[in-house]
């Protein structure tokens, strides 16, 4: 987040100082991006995996602080709710066999967390939304008791001044309210980081915005929330509504949501995305550090820009620009739309497909985006989340009239060679690229992903059980299959 959050009470003076510091950070960032050689380095990937701790019956266990105290692994971190944990994976250069390394580390991390949880009679669930969650599991007392999360909750409440309203229509229709941002803790994801040269950032970002719906559709794993069958990737709708800081019913024009898909195609680079965040969104946590970024820059140092990084961390765009002061400073694209699970090999394949598509598509992105107004890219994202492999998307074509409606399944099949070529062109071994992209192809041919497996299994179990019990039994079966390490399209139907 840029700064260690050690308090959750702020004054008007804190907000004023923070606003001034954000402007200083933007000036320093603009100067940094103009430095010759800034951000140069090997293309690499990183990842953050969020997981849920459950008991032997698949119900959430609020043990994250105890588990962290038991663990000596510095890569394991607390998350927003007391049944959540996050594992920060080791950055890997994008050459030779990065996704095999990613899969291996995911397996080792999940096994280590599982062993720690087993000592308390539970296990780890790696799934986009834990289907057994109940409303009472997501009250204010579910929030992890740290200044960081108390400050976040207080900041959102200060702006919204009303309960959060959840309204999601799928196979069922869920309407509920909550007084706490703890509702957001129902969502767990696999967030992929891609290091990007500053001069390629706009093209890389735009490519990610175009292709993310394809990765969401094939990787969907969040179809059930609070006993309701909703979107294939319900996380997308739930996250947007669960931390919506806008005041409902306000007379002024509708402001941008803090969980946006985006506000338009990037035109120049990363700077405009950071400046957009500062201009469009009021701060939630106005904590300022000691460093003056402009002074640091004048000394020839690389300022860490902690206030800008903190502010950016409270705007949850699905594809988000990241500044990291490590190694003299560099930029990353954080891709946040992939769910956690089902298995380590599935997550590695999802990451390979998405990264390969982004790298392959950015070589042609400037020819395509004039043929796709940004509103259609946003439409595609939500339709893919809602309908998964049944989605119909609007896709750009160089042959007028563009865009044209296409089946997401046909688009994914068409893009598999592009994903493999995008990886191979950046040093990934041919066998590695082919292996993981082929897994996506097999999943597509089987017309199954985590969401469809959950839906189909639940439908069978509901023939003999009421909904709550059927969901619990479905989750236990999911956990057994995930523990086997098999890809989801090879699981028992």
Foldseek 3Di string as FASTA:
>chain_A
DLDDQAAQDDDPVLLVVLLVLLVLLLVLVVVQLPDPPRFDDFKKKWKKWKWFKAAPLLHGDLQQVVLVVVDPDPQKADDFFSRMIMGTGDIDGLAAFVLVVQLVVVLVVQVVSQVSSVVVRIHIAFFFFRQLDAPVCQAPVRTDPHNVNSLLFVLLCVQAVDWFWAWFAAVHTDTDTYSTLSLLVRGIFMKMKIFDRFQLALLLLLLLLQCVLLLCLLAQGDQHDNLDGGASNCSLRSNQRSRFSHHPPDPDDDADTLAAQDDFRDDGGQSVQLVCLSVRDRARRSDDDDDSSVVCVVVVAHDQSSSSQNSQVSRNHQWGWHWGPPPNIGIITMHTSHGTDDASLSVSLSVLQSQLSSQLCSVCSVVFDVQPGSVQSRVSNVQCRGHRQQGWGFGTDNDPDGTDTDRSLVVLVVCLVSSLVSSVVSHYDSVSSCVSSVLSVLSSVLVDHNSRQLVVQLVVQVVPDPSSVSSSVSSVLSVVVRSVRDHPSPDDD
